[in-house]
C-alpha atoms as a PDB file:
ATOM      1  CA  MET A   1      20.864 -18.402  15.980  1.00  0.00           C
ATOM      2  CA  THR A   2      17.959 -19.019  13.595  1.00  0.00           C
ATOM      3  CA  ARG A   3      17.989 -19.841   9.910  1.00  0.00           C
ATOM      4  CA  THR A   4      17.710 -16.807   7.653  1.00  0.00           C
ATOM      5  CA  THR A   5      14.310 -16.567   5.938  1.00  0.00           C
ATOM      6  CA  PRO A   6      12.920 -14.078   3.393  1.00  0.00           C
ATOM      7  CA  GLU A   7      10.988 -12.446   6.243  1.00  0.00           C
ATOM      8  CA  HIS A   8      14.173 -12.076   8.316  1.00  0.00           C
ATOM      9  CA  GLN A   9      15.961 -10.621   5.296  1.00  0.00           C
ATOM     10  CA  ALA A  10      13.158  -8.110   4.759  1.00  0.00           C
ATOM     11  CA  LEU A  11      13.344  -7.151   8.443  1.00  0.00           C
ATOM     12  CA  GLY A  12      17.095  -6.603   8.188  1.00  0.00           C
ATOM     13  CA  ALA A  13      16.784  -4.522   5.020  1.00  0.00           C
ATOM     14  CA  PHE A  14      14.109  -2.367   6.654  1.00  0.00           C
ATOM     15  CA  LEU A  15      16.267  -1.757   9.743  1.00  0.00           C
ATOM     16  CA  ARG A  16      19.357  -0.903   7.689  1.00  0.00           C
ATOM     17  CA  GLU A  17      17.454   1.562   5.554  1.00  0.00           C
ATOM     18  CA  ARG A  18      15.849   3.230   8.580  1.00  0.00           C
ATOM     19  CA  ARG A  19      19.187   3.389  10.418  1.00  0.00           C
ATOM     20  CA  GLY A  20      20.578   5.344   7.482  1.00  0.00           C
ATOM     21  CA  ARG A  21      17.894   8.004   7.934  1.00  0.00           C
ATOM     22  CA  VAL A  22      18.659   8.852  11.576  1.00  0.00           C
ATOM     23  CA  THR A  23      21.553  11.196  12.341  1.00  0.00           C
ATOM     24  CA  PRO A  24      23.438  11.320  15.651  1.00  0.00           C
ATOM     25  CA  ALA A  25      21.993  14.790  16.221  1.00  0.00           C
ATOM     26  CA  ASP A  26      18.462  13.376  15.898  1.00  0.00           C
ATOM     27  CA  VAL A  27      19.010  11.183  18.965  1.00  0.00           C
ATOM     28  CA  GLY A  28      21.307  13.443  20.987  1.00  0.00           C
ATOM     29  CA  LEU A  29      24.627  11.755  20.141  1.00  0.00           C
ATOM     30  CA  PRO A  30      27.820  13.671  19.292  1.00  0.00           C
ATOM     31  CA  GLN A  31      28.995  13.677  15.686  1.00  0.00           C
ATOM     32  CA  ALA A  32      32.298  11.832  16.169  1.00  0.00           C
ATOM     33  CA  GLY A  33      34.549  11.910  13.103  1.00  0.00           C
ATOM     34  CA  ARG A  34      33.724  11.296   9.468  1.00  0.00           C
ATOM     35  CA  ARG A  35      31.217   8.583   8.553  1.00  0.00           C
ATOM     36  CA  ARG A  36      31.497   6.378   5.505  1.00  0.00           C
ATOM     37  CA  THR A  37      27.711   6.087   5.259  1.00  0.00           C
ATOM     38  CA  PRO A  38      24.882   8.361   6.427  1.00  0.00           C
ATOM     39  CA  GLY A  39      22.911   7.701   9.571  1.00  0.00           C
ATOM     40  CA  LEU A  40      23.694   5.884  12.785  1.00  0.00           C
ATOM     41  CA  ARG A  41      26.247   3.137  13.245  1.00  0.00           C
ATOM     42  CA  ARG A  42      25.061  -0.268  14.389  1.00  0.00           C
ATOM     43  CA  GLU A  43      26.763   0.136  17.749  1.00  0.00           C
ATOM     44  CA  GLU A  44      24.902   3.415  18.283  1.00  0.00           C
ATOM     45  CA  VAL A  45      21.528   1.807  17.619  1.00  0.00           C
ATOM     46  CA  ALA A  46      22.460  -1.044  19.959  1.00  0.00           C
ATOM     47  CA  GLN A  47      23.471   1.462  22.654  1.00  0.00           C
ATOM     48  CA  LEU A  48      20.243   3.443  22.301  1.00  0.00           C
ATOM     49  CA  ALA A  49      18.121   0.281  22.354  1.00  0.00           C
ATOM     50  CA  GLY A  50      20.031  -1.294  25.254  1.00  0.00           C
ATOM     51  CA  VAL A  51      21.005  -4.458  23.364  1.00  0.00           C
ATOM     52  CA  GLY A  52      24.307  -6.050  22.428  1.00  0.00           C
ATOM     53  CA  VAL A  53      26.076  -4.911  19.280  1.00  0.00           C
ATOM     54  CA  THR A  54      26.549  -8.485  18.061  1.00  0.00           C
ATOM     55  CA  TRP A  55      22.892  -9.295  18.609  1.00  0.00           C
ATOM     56  CA  TYR A  56      21.744  -6.156  16.774  1.00  0.00           C
ATOM     57  CA  THR A  57      24.122  -6.994  13.910  1.00  0.00           C
ATOM     58  CA  TRP A  58      22.520 -10.442  13.692  1.00  0.00           C
ATOM     59  CA  LEU A  59      19.098  -8.771  13.640  1.00  0.00           C
ATOM     60  CA  GLU A  60      20.070  -6.669  10.616  1.00  0.00           C
ATOM     61  CA  GLN A  61      21.592  -9.725   8.954  1.00  0.00           C
ATOM     62  CA  GLY A  62      18.398 -11.730   9.460  1.00  0.00           C
ATOM     63  CA  ARG A  63      20.139 -14.207  11.784  1.00  0.00           C
ATOM     64  CA  ALA A  64      18.941 -13.126  15.234  1.00  0.00           C
ATOM     65  CA  PRO A  65      16.999 -15.490  17.489  1.00  0.00           C
ATOM     66  CA  ASN A  66      13.342 -14.636  18.005  1.00  0.00           C
ATOM     67  CA  PRO A  67      13.417 -11.088  19.479  1.00  0.00           C
ATOM     68  CA  SER A  68      11.004 -10.116  22.205  1.00  0.00           C
ATOM     69  CA  ASP A  69       8.373  -7.418  21.771  1.00  0.00           C
ATOM     70  CA  GLN A  70      10.226  -5.327  24.355  1.00  0.00           C
ATOM     71  CA  VAL A  71      13.462  -5.457  22.348  1.00  0.00           C
ATOM     72  CA  LEU A  72      11.677  -4.636  19.104  1.00  0.00           C
ATOM     73  CA  ASP A  73       9.995  -1.688  20.822  1.00  0.00           C
ATOM     74  CA  ALA A  74      13.390  -0.482  22.018  1.00  0.00           C
ATOM     75  CA  VAL A  75      14.842  -0.713  18.507  1.00  0.00           C
ATOM     76  CA  ALA A  76      11.793   1.109  17.116  1.00  0.00           C
ATOM     77  CA  ARG A  77      12.325   3.942  19.611  1.00  0.00           C
ATOM     78  CA  ALA A  78      16.049   4.106  18.826  1.00  0.00           C
ATOM     79  CA  LEU A  79      15.293   4.442  15.115  1.00  0.00           C
ATOM     80  CA  ARG A  80      12.489   6.955  15.769  1.00  0.00           C
ATOM     81  CA  LEU A  81       9.940   4.855  13.864  1.00  0.00           C
ATOM     82  CA  ARG A  82       6.469   6.242  13.273  1.00  0.00           C
ATOM     83  CA  THR A  83       3.424   4.237  14.419  1.00  0.00           C
ATOM     84  CA  ASP A  84       2.877   2.638  11.002  1.00  0.00           C
ATOM     85  CA  GLU A  85       6.605   1.891  10.680  1.00  0.00           C
ATOM     86  CA  ARG A  86       6.652   0.240  14.116  1.00  0.00           C
ATOM     87  CA  ARG A  87       3.654  -1.890  13.093  1.00  0.00           C
ATOM     88  CA  HIS A  88       5.518  -2.867   9.926  1.00  0.00           C
ATOM     89  CA  LEU A  89       8.574  -3.824  11.994  1.00  0.00           C
ATOM     90  CA  MET A  90       6.429  -6.057  14.195  1.00  0.00           C
ATOM     91  CA  LEU A  91       4.791  -7.721  11.198  1.00  0.00           C
ATOM     92  CA  LEU A  92       8.173  -8.450   9.617  1.00  0.00           C
ATOM     93  CA  ALA A  93       9.253  -9.980  12.922  1.00  0.00           C
ATOM     94  CA  GLY A  94       6.262 -12.335  12.830  1.00  0.00           C
ATOM     95  CA  ARG A  95       3.866 -10.456  15.098  1.00  0.00           C
ATOM     96  CA  THR A  96       0.609 -10.570  13.169  1.00  0.00           C
ATOM     97  CA  PRO A  97      -2.612  -8.982  14.434  1.00  0.00           C
ATOM     98  CA  ASP A  98      -4.474 -12.195  13.614  1.00  0.00           C
ATOM     99  CA  ALA A  99      -2.722 -15.325  14.841  1.00  0.00           C
ATOM    100  CA  GLY A 100      -5.036 -17.652  12.921  1.00  0.00           C
ATOM    101  CA  PRO A 101      -4.221 -19.020   9.474  1.00  0.00           C
ATOM    102  CA  ARG A 102      -4.868 -16.629   6.631  1.00  0.00           C
ATOM    103  CA  ALA A 103      -4.671 -17.763   3.044  1.00  0.00           C
ATOM    104  CA  PRO A 104      -7.017 -15.515   1.061  1.00  0.00           C
ATOM    105  CA  SER A 105      -7.644 -16.197  -2.584  1.00  0.00           C
ATOM    106  CA  PRO A 106      -6.384 -13.647  -5.109  1.00  0.00           C
ATOM    107  CA  LEU A 107      -9.912 -12.335  -5.607  1.00  0.00           C
ATOM    108  CA  MET A 108     -12.850 -11.848  -3.302  1.00  0.00           C
ATOM    109  CA  GLU A 109     -16.540 -12.595  -3.507  1.00  0.00           C
ATOM    110  CA  VAL A 110     -18.700  -9.624  -4.471  1.00  0.00           C
ATOM    111  CA  ARG A 111     -22.062  -9.695  -2.719  1.00  0.00           C
ATOM    112  CA  PRO A 112     -25.320  -7.720  -3.223  1.00  0.00           C
ATOM    113  CA  GLU A 113     -24.535  -5.398  -0.313  1.00  0.00           C
ATOM    114  CA  HIS A 114     -21.220  -4.520  -1.951  1.00  0.00           C
ATOM    115  CA  VAL A 115     -22.728  -3.458  -5.281  1.00  0.00           C
ATOM    116  CA  ALA A 116     -25.455  -1.584  -3.397  1.00  0.00           C
ATOM    117  CA  ILE A 117     -22.735   0.596  -1.854  1.00  0.00           C
ATOM    118  CA  LEU A 118     -21.081   1.158  -5.238  1.00  0.00           C
ATOM    119  CA  ASP A 119     -24.413   2.108  -6.762  1.00  0.00           C
ATOM    120  CA  GLN A 120     -25.447   4.486  -3.999  1.00  0.00           C
ATOM    121  CA  LEU A 121     -22.107   6.319  -4.065  1.00  0.00           C
ATOM    122  CA  LEU A 122     -22.627   7.524  -7.652  1.00  0.00           C
ATOM    123  CA  PRO A 123     -21.559  10.004  -8.972  1.00  0.00           C
ATOM    124  CA  PHE A 124     -18.556   9.570  -6.643  1.00  0.00           C
ATOM    125  CA  PRO A 125     -16.031   7.062  -8.044  1.00  0.00           C
ATOM    126  CA  ALA A 126     -15.771   3.933  -5.899  1.00  0.00           C
ATOM    127  CA  ALA A 127     -14.168   0.521  -6.345  1.00  0.00           C
ATOM    128  CA  ILE A 128     -13.651  -2.687  -4.392  1.00  0.00           C
ATOM    129  CA  GLN A 129     -10.118  -4.012  -4.109  1.00  0.00           C
ATOM    130  CA  THR A 130      -8.256  -6.839  -2.419  1.00  0.00           C
ATOM    131  CA  ALA A 131      -5.321  -6.564  -0.007  1.00  0.00           C
ATOM    132  CA  ALA A 132      -2.953  -6.730  -3.012  1.00  0.00           C
ATOM    133  CA  TYR A 133      -4.794  -3.894  -4.812  1.00  0.00           C
ATOM    134  CA  ASP A 134      -6.588  -6.094  -7.360  1.00  0.00           C
ATOM    135  CA  LEU A 135      -9.711  -4.263  -8.579  1.00  0.00           C
ATOM    136  CA  VAL A 136     -12.655  -6.636  -8.561  1.00  0.00           C
ATOM    137  CA  ALA A 137     -15.643  -4.293  -8.945  1.00  0.00           C
ATOM    138  CA  ALA A 138     -16.286  -0.610  -9.567  1.00  0.00           C
ATOM    139  CA  ASN A 139     -19.151   1.769 -10.075  1.00  0.00           C
ATOM    140  CA  ARG A 140     -19.674   3.608 -13.348  1.00  0.00           C
ATOM    141  CA  SER A 141     -17.774   6.754 -12.318  1.00  0.00           C
ATOM    142  CA  TYR A 142     -14.683   4.795 -11.257  1.00  0.00           C
ATOM    143  CA  ARG A 143     -14.823   2.614 -14.358  1.00  0.00           C
ATOM    144  CA  PHE A 144     -14.426   5.698 -16.585  1.00  0.00           C
ATOM    145  CA  PHE A 145     -12.352   7.839 -14.211  1.00  0.00           C
ATOM    146  CA  PHE A 146      -8.987   6.873 -15.782  1.00  0.00           C
ATOM    147  CA  GLY A 147     -10.242   5.608 -19.145  1.00  0.00           C
ATOM    148  CA  ASP A 148     -12.387   2.473 -19.291  1.00  0.00           C
ATOM    149  CA  LEU A 149     -11.517  -0.147 -16.699  1.00  0.00           C
ATOM    150  CA  ASP A 150     -13.473  -2.797 -18.589  1.00  0.00           C
ATOM    151  CA  SER A 151     -11.153  -2.379 -21.591  1.00  0.00           C
ATOM    152  CA  VAL A 152      -8.174  -3.449 -19.445  1.00  0.00           C
ATOM    153  CA  ASP A 153      -7.212  -7.134 -19.462  1.00  0.00           C
ATOM    154  CA  PRO A 154      -8.630  -8.641 -16.242  1.00  0.00           C
ATOM    155  CA  VAL A 155      -5.151  -9.880 -15.306  1.00  0.00           C
ATOM    156  CA  ASP A 156      -3.937  -6.262 -15.299  1.00  0.00           C
ATOM    157  CA  ARG A 157      -6.813  -4.803 -13.275  1.00  0.00           C
ATOM    158  CA  ASN A 158      -4.652  -3.945 -10.321  1.00  0.00           C
ATOM    159  CA  CYS A 159      -4.525  -0.369  -9.078  1.00  0.00           C
ATOM    160  CA  ALA A 160      -0.767  -0.387  -8.387  1.00  0.00           C
ATOM    161  CA  TRP A 161       0.098  -2.019 -11.713  1.00  0.00           C
ATOM    162  CA  LEU A 162      -2.039   0.433 -13.678  1.00  0.00           C
ATOM    163  CA  LEU A 163      -0.793   3.569 -11.927  1.00  0.00           C
ATOM    164  CA  PHE A 164       2.862   2.578 -12.283  1.00  0.00           C
ATOM    165  CA  THR A 165       2.772   1.164 -15.830  1.00  0.00           C
ATOM    166  CA  HIS A 166      -0.376   2.274 -17.698  1.00  0.00           C
ATOM    167  CA  ASP A 167      -0.021   5.605 -19.539  1.00  0.00           C
ATOM    168  CA  ASP A 168      -3.674   6.670 -19.200  1.00  0.00           C
ATOM    169  CA  TRP A 169      -3.737   6.033 -15.476  1.00  0.00           C
ATOM    170  CA  ARG A 170      -0.361   7.581 -14.751  1.00  0.00           C
ATOM    171  CA  SER A 171      -1.027  10.685 -16.851  1.00  0.00           C
ATOM    172  CA  SER A 172      -4.179  11.310 -14.813  1.00  0.00           C
ATOM    173  CA  LEU A 173      -2.047  12.094 -11.740  1.00  0.00           C
ATOM    174  CA  VAL A 174      -1.382  15.782 -11.146  1.00  0.00           C
ATOM    175  CA  GLU A 175       1.271  14.889  -8.537  1.00  0.00           C
ATOM    176  CA  PRO A 176       2.628  11.514  -9.706  1.00  0.00           C
ATOM    177  CA  GLU A 177       5.694  11.374  -7.455  1.00  0.00           C
ATOM    178  CA  LEU A 178       3.652  12.058  -4.317  1.00  0.00           C
ATOM    179  CA  VAL A 179       0.980   9.482  -5.192  1.00  0.00           C
ATOM    180  CA  LEU A 180       3.306   6.749  -6.456  1.00  0.00           C
ATOM    181  CA  ARG A 181       5.733   6.988  -3.530  1.00  0.00           C
ATOM    182  CA  ASP A 182       2.772   6.779  -1.147  1.00  0.00           C
ATOM    183  CA  LEU A 183       1.401   3.804  -3.083  1.00  0.00           C
ATOM    184  CA  ALA A 184       4.699   1.921  -2.858  1.00  0.00           C
ATOM    185  CA  GLY A 185       4.702   2.505   0.896  1.00  0.00           C
ATOM    186  CA  ARG A 186       1.160   1.217   1.197  1.00  0.00           C
ATOM    187  CA  LEU A 187       2.035  -1.875  -0.813  1.00  0.00           C
ATOM    188  CA  ARG A 188       4.996  -2.614   1.462  1.00  0.00           C
ATOM    189  CA  ALA A 189       2.786  -2.295   4.544  1.00  0.00           C
ATOM    190  CA  ARG A 190       0.055  -4.512   3.099  1.00  0.00           C
ATOM    191  CA  GLU A 191       2.478  -7.204   1.949  1.00  0.00           C
ATOM    192  CA  ALA A 192       3.677  -7.580   5.536  1.00  0.00           C
ATOM    193  CA  GLU A 193       0.132  -7.542   6.908  1.00  0.00           C
ATOM    194  CA  PHE A 194      -1.275 -10.070   4.421  1.00  0.00           C
ATOM    195  CA  PRO A 195       1.797 -12.151   3.492  1.00  0.00           C
ATOM    196  CA  HIS A 196      -0.096 -15.292   2.434  1.00  0.00           C
ATOM    197  CA  ASP A 197      -1.957 -13.653  -0.443  1.00  0.00           C
ATOM    198  CA  PRO A 198      -0.586 -15.559  -3.476  1.00  0.00           C
ATOM    199  CA  ARG A 199      -0.733 -12.417  -5.635  1.00  0.00           C
ATOM    200  CA  TRP A 200       2.294 -10.739  -4.008  1.00  0.00           C
ATOM    201  CA  PRO A 201       5.307 -12.476  -5.613  1.00  0.00           C
ATOM    202  CA  GLY A 202       4.128 -12.045  -9.193  1.00  0.00           C
ATOM    203  CA  LEU A 203       2.836  -8.498  -8.681  1.00  0.00           C
ATOM    204  CA  LEU A 204       5.961  -7.149  -6.981  1.00  0.00           C
ATOM    205  CA  SER A 205       8.293  -8.922  -9.392  1.00  0.00           C
ATOM    206  CA  SER A 206       6.430  -7.500 -12.392  1.00  0.00           C
ATOM    207  CA  LEU A 207       6.384  -3.999 -10.941  1.00  0.00           C
ATOM    208  CA  ARG A 208      10.139  -4.090 -10.300  1.00  0.00           C
ATOM    209  CA  GLU A 209      10.746  -5.356 -13.829  1.00  0.00           C
ATOM    210  CA  HIS A 210       8.538  -2.872 -15.672  1.00  0.00           C
ATOM    211  CA  SER A 211       8.648   0.286 -13.534  1.00  0.00           C
ATOM    212  CA  PRO A 212      11.950   1.954 -12.570  1.00  0.00           C
ATOM    213  CA  ASP A 213       9.960   4.359 -10.409  1.00  0.00           C
ATOM    214  CA  PHE A 214       8.442   1.506  -8.438  1.00  0.00           C
ATOM    215  CA  GLU A 215      11.841  -0.129  -7.959  1.00  0.00           C
ATOM    216  CA  ARG A 216      13.278   3.157  -6.689  1.00  0.00           C
ATOM    217  CA  TYR A 217      10.419   3.829  -4.262  1.00  0.00           C
ATOM    218  CA  TRP A 218      10.278   0.201  -3.121  1.00  0.00           C
ATOM    219  CA  ASP A 219      13.966   0.218  -2.279  1.00  0.00           C
ATOM    220  CA  GLU A 220      13.401   3.216   0.009  1.00  0.00           C
ATOM    221  CA  HIS A 221      11.567   0.814   2.370  1.00  0.00           C
ATOM    222  CA  GLU A 222       9.021   3.509   3.118  1.00  0.00           C
ATOM    223  CA  VAL A 223       5.925   2.290   4.968  1.00  0.00           C
ATOM    224  CA  ARG A 224       2.625   4.128   4.651  1.00  0.00           C
ATOM    225  CA  GLY A 225      -0.586   3.432   6.498  1.00  0.00           C
ATOM    226  CA  ASP A 226      -4.071   4.005   5.080  1.00  0.00           C
ATOM    227  CA  ARG A 227      -5.275   7.523   5.657  1.00  0.00           C
ATOM    228  CA  THR A 228      -7.682   9.996   4.124  1.00  0.00           C
ATOM    229  CA  GLN A 229      -5.846  12.412   1.835  1.00  0.00           C
ATOM    230  CA  LEU A 230      -6.195  14.882  -0.997  1.00  0.00           C
ATOM    231  CA  ARG A 231      -5.636  13.442  -4.470  1.00  0.00           C
ATOM    232  CA  ARG A 232      -5.550  15.610  -7.606  1.00  0.00           C
ATOM    233  CA  TYR A 233      -6.336  14.156 -11.035  1.00  0.00           C
ATOM    234  CA  ARG A 234      -6.792  15.190 -14.677  1.00  0.00           C
ATOM    235  CA  SER A 235      -9.732  13.593 -16.438  1.00  0.00           C
ATOM    236  CA  SER A 236      -9.671  13.399 -20.230  1.00  0.00           C
ATOM    237  CA  ARG A 237     -13.444  13.798 -20.139  1.00  0.00           C
ATOM    238  CA  VAL A 238     -14.098  16.593 -17.610  1.00  0.00           C
ATOM    239  CA  GLY A 239     -10.751  18.148 -16.652  1.00  0.00           C
ATOM    240  CA  ARG A 240      -9.244  18.790 -13.208  1.00  0.00           C
ATOM    241  CA  LEU A 241     -10.674  16.775 -10.311  1.00  0.00           C
ATOM    242  CA  ASP A 242      -9.543  17.431  -6.749  1.00  0.00           C
ATOM    243  CA  THR A 243     -10.781  14.598  -4.548  1.00  0.00           C
ATOM    244  CA  ILE A 244     -10.566  13.221  -1.039  1.00  0.00           C
ATOM    245  CA  PHE A 245      -9.282   9.651  -1.258  1.00  0.00           C
ATOM    246  CA  GLN A 246     -10.639   7.264   1.374  1.00  0.00           C
ATOM    247  CA  SER A 247     -10.078   3.551   1.923  1.00  0.00           C
ATOM    248  CA  LEU A 248     -12.779   1.820   3.985  1.00  0.00           C
ATOM    249  CA  TRP A 249     -12.843  -1.746   5.287  1.00  0.00           C
ATOM    250  CA  LEU A 250     -15.193  -4.357   3.885  1.00  0.00           C
ATOM    251  CA  ASP A 251     -13.403  -7.298   5.533  1.00  0.00           C
ATOM    252  CA  GLN A 252     -10.421  -6.268   7.659  1.00  0.00           C
ATOM    253  CA  ARG A 253      -9.260  -9.842   8.261  1.00  0.00           C
ATOM    254  CA  ARG A 254      -8.813 -10.423   4.531  1.00  0.00           C
ATOM    255  CA  GLY A 255      -7.762  -6.886   3.672  1.00  0.00           C
ATOM    256  CA  GLU A 256     -10.738  -6.246   1.383  1.00  0.00           C
ATOM    257  CA  ARG A 257     -11.675  -2.585   1.017  1.00  0.00           C
ATOM    258  CA  ILE A 258     -13.778  -0.092  -0.834  1.00  0.00           C
ATOM    259  CA  VAL A 259     -11.947   2.999  -2.097  1.00  0.00           C
ATOM    260  CA  VAL A 260     -13.941   6.192  -2.616  1.00  0.00           C
ATOM    261  CA  LEU A 261     -13.081   9.516  -4.230  1.00  0.00           C
ATOM    262  CA  THR A 262     -15.271  12.348  -2.952  1.00  0.00           C
ATOM    263  CA  PRO A 263     -15.010  15.907  -4.331  1.00  0.00           C
ATOM    264  CA  ALA A 264     -12.747  18.300  -2.450  1.00  0.00           C
ATOM    265  CA  ASP A 265     -14.501  21.407  -3.795  1.00  0.00           C
ATOM    266  CA  ALA A 266     -17.664  22.515  -5.561  1.00  0.00           C
ATOM    267  CA  ALA A 267     -16.033  22.604  -9.003  1.00  0.00           C
ATOM    268  CA  SER A 268     -14.869  19.007  -8.668  1.00  0.00           C
ATOM    269  CA  ALA A 269     -18.330  17.968  -7.468  1.00  0.00           C
ATOM    270  CA  ARG A 270     -19.882  19.467 -10.606  1.00  0.00           C
ATOM    271  CA  ARG A 271     -17.299  17.749 -12.814  1.00  0.00           C
ATOM    272  CA  LEU A 272     -17.918  14.369 -11.186  1.00  0.00           C
ATOM    273  CA  GLU A 273     -21.637  14.810 -11.860  1.00  0.00           C
ATOM    274  CA  ARG A 274     -20.816  15.684 -15.462  1.00  0.00           C
ATOM    275  CA  LEU A 275     -18.552  12.629 -15.786  1.00  0.00           C
ATOM    276  CA  ASP A 276     -21.340  10.352 -14.607  1.00  0.00           C
ATOM    277  CA  SER A 277     -23.812  11.970 -16.990  1.00  0.00           C
ATOM    278  CA  LEU A 278     -21.426  11.534 -19.937  1.00  0.00           C
ATOM    279  CA  VAL A 279     -21.164   7.777 -19.315  1.00  0.00           C
ATOM    280  CA  GLY A 280     -24.717   7.369 -18.087  1.00  0.00           C
ATOM    281  CA  ALA A 281     -25.601   4.816 -20.767  1.00  0.00           C
ATOM    282  CA  ALA A 282     -23.217   2.299 -19.160  1.00  0.00           C
ATOM    283  CA  PRO A 283     -24.321  -0.046 -16.340  1.00  0.00           C
ATOM    284  CA  ARG A 284     -24.160   1.505 -12.878  1.00  0.00           C
ATOM    285  CA  TRP A 285     -21.480  -0.970 -11.760  1.00  0.00           C
ATOM    286  CA  THR A 286     -19.134  -3.536 -13.245  1.00  0.00           C
ATOM    287  CA  ALA A 287     -17.223  -6.535 -11.879  1.00  0.00           C
ATOM    288  CA  ARG A 288     -14.749  -9.173 -12.999  1.00  0.00           C
ATOM    289  CA  ASP A 289     -15.971 -12.538 -14.166  1.00  0.00           C
ATOM    290  CA  GLY A 290     -16.064 -15.191 -11.471  1.00  0.00           C
ATOM    291  CA  VAL A 291     -16.416 -12.930  -8.422  1.00  0.00           C
ATOM    292  CA  LEU A 292     -20.198 -12.472  -8.179  1.00  0.00           C
ATOM    293  CA  THR A 293     -22.334 -14.437  -5.743  1.00  0.00           C
ATOM    294  CA  ASP A 294     -25.211 -16.526  -7.071  1.00  0.00           C
ATOM    295  CA  ALA A 295     -27.646 -13.833  -5.899  1.00  0.00           C
ATOM    296  CA  LEU A 296     -26.100 -11.353  -8.364  1.00  0.00           C
ATOM    297  CA  ILE A 297     -25.858 -13.797 -11.256  1.00  0.00           C
ATOM    298  CA  SER A 298     -29.415 -15.126 -11.171  1.00  0.00           C
END
């Protein structure tokens, strides 16, 4: 039996929550008697996965010896995990896609090729963010999409923090519950994928303290992968904006990405062009202090 670690505890919490979502009928088992809690019993998961009940109990308690990939796959099938949920399970169990050491700094280095992308994407809003959702650079349209990003304290320039706690950002969401639940699931997936980023403990602790919605969604243990999707916003400057949200890799090993909002219809395209024209006196891109390469400073 191994010593319980925070990672083992997170694995156990994830398994318990997912077990509660699967009914006997979902997996072809008879509904035998009344159940004190929803979902499958531990012995039923163990039976479906072909493992011992005691061992599976240890797994949920964070005390199981190092499980094999085959056993984890069997548990994932028993709990009917989606592809992104299975990946999350493997990450929590210590199976990382990159076996080498990873200790990224809280912020990244913004290079000339990065700002060239931001510039060329205008009038579409685009920003560069770290694995922990810190916003380090943005083009003019993104800067003014939710208000004025440059007016936000640099310490608070984090997409998750702003959407969960900042009134201007949150009020811009036409479907806040859909977006915020998805965001919490993405954060949970990224924390497991990039666990050594020093930003995580402070960010997650602050979100739990200041946002009841985040705490509620986080405790659902939902896991969401990155995918292209429709996002609807209200702009104080130009009105309704229906966009296609995309997250594209800049450096997959470090989790650095560029997020882009492209118009979902002709009306939104015209409004994005109007937004950029209204703020056209501002620089075409902006970045935090201390992240630019020498080539951009000189």
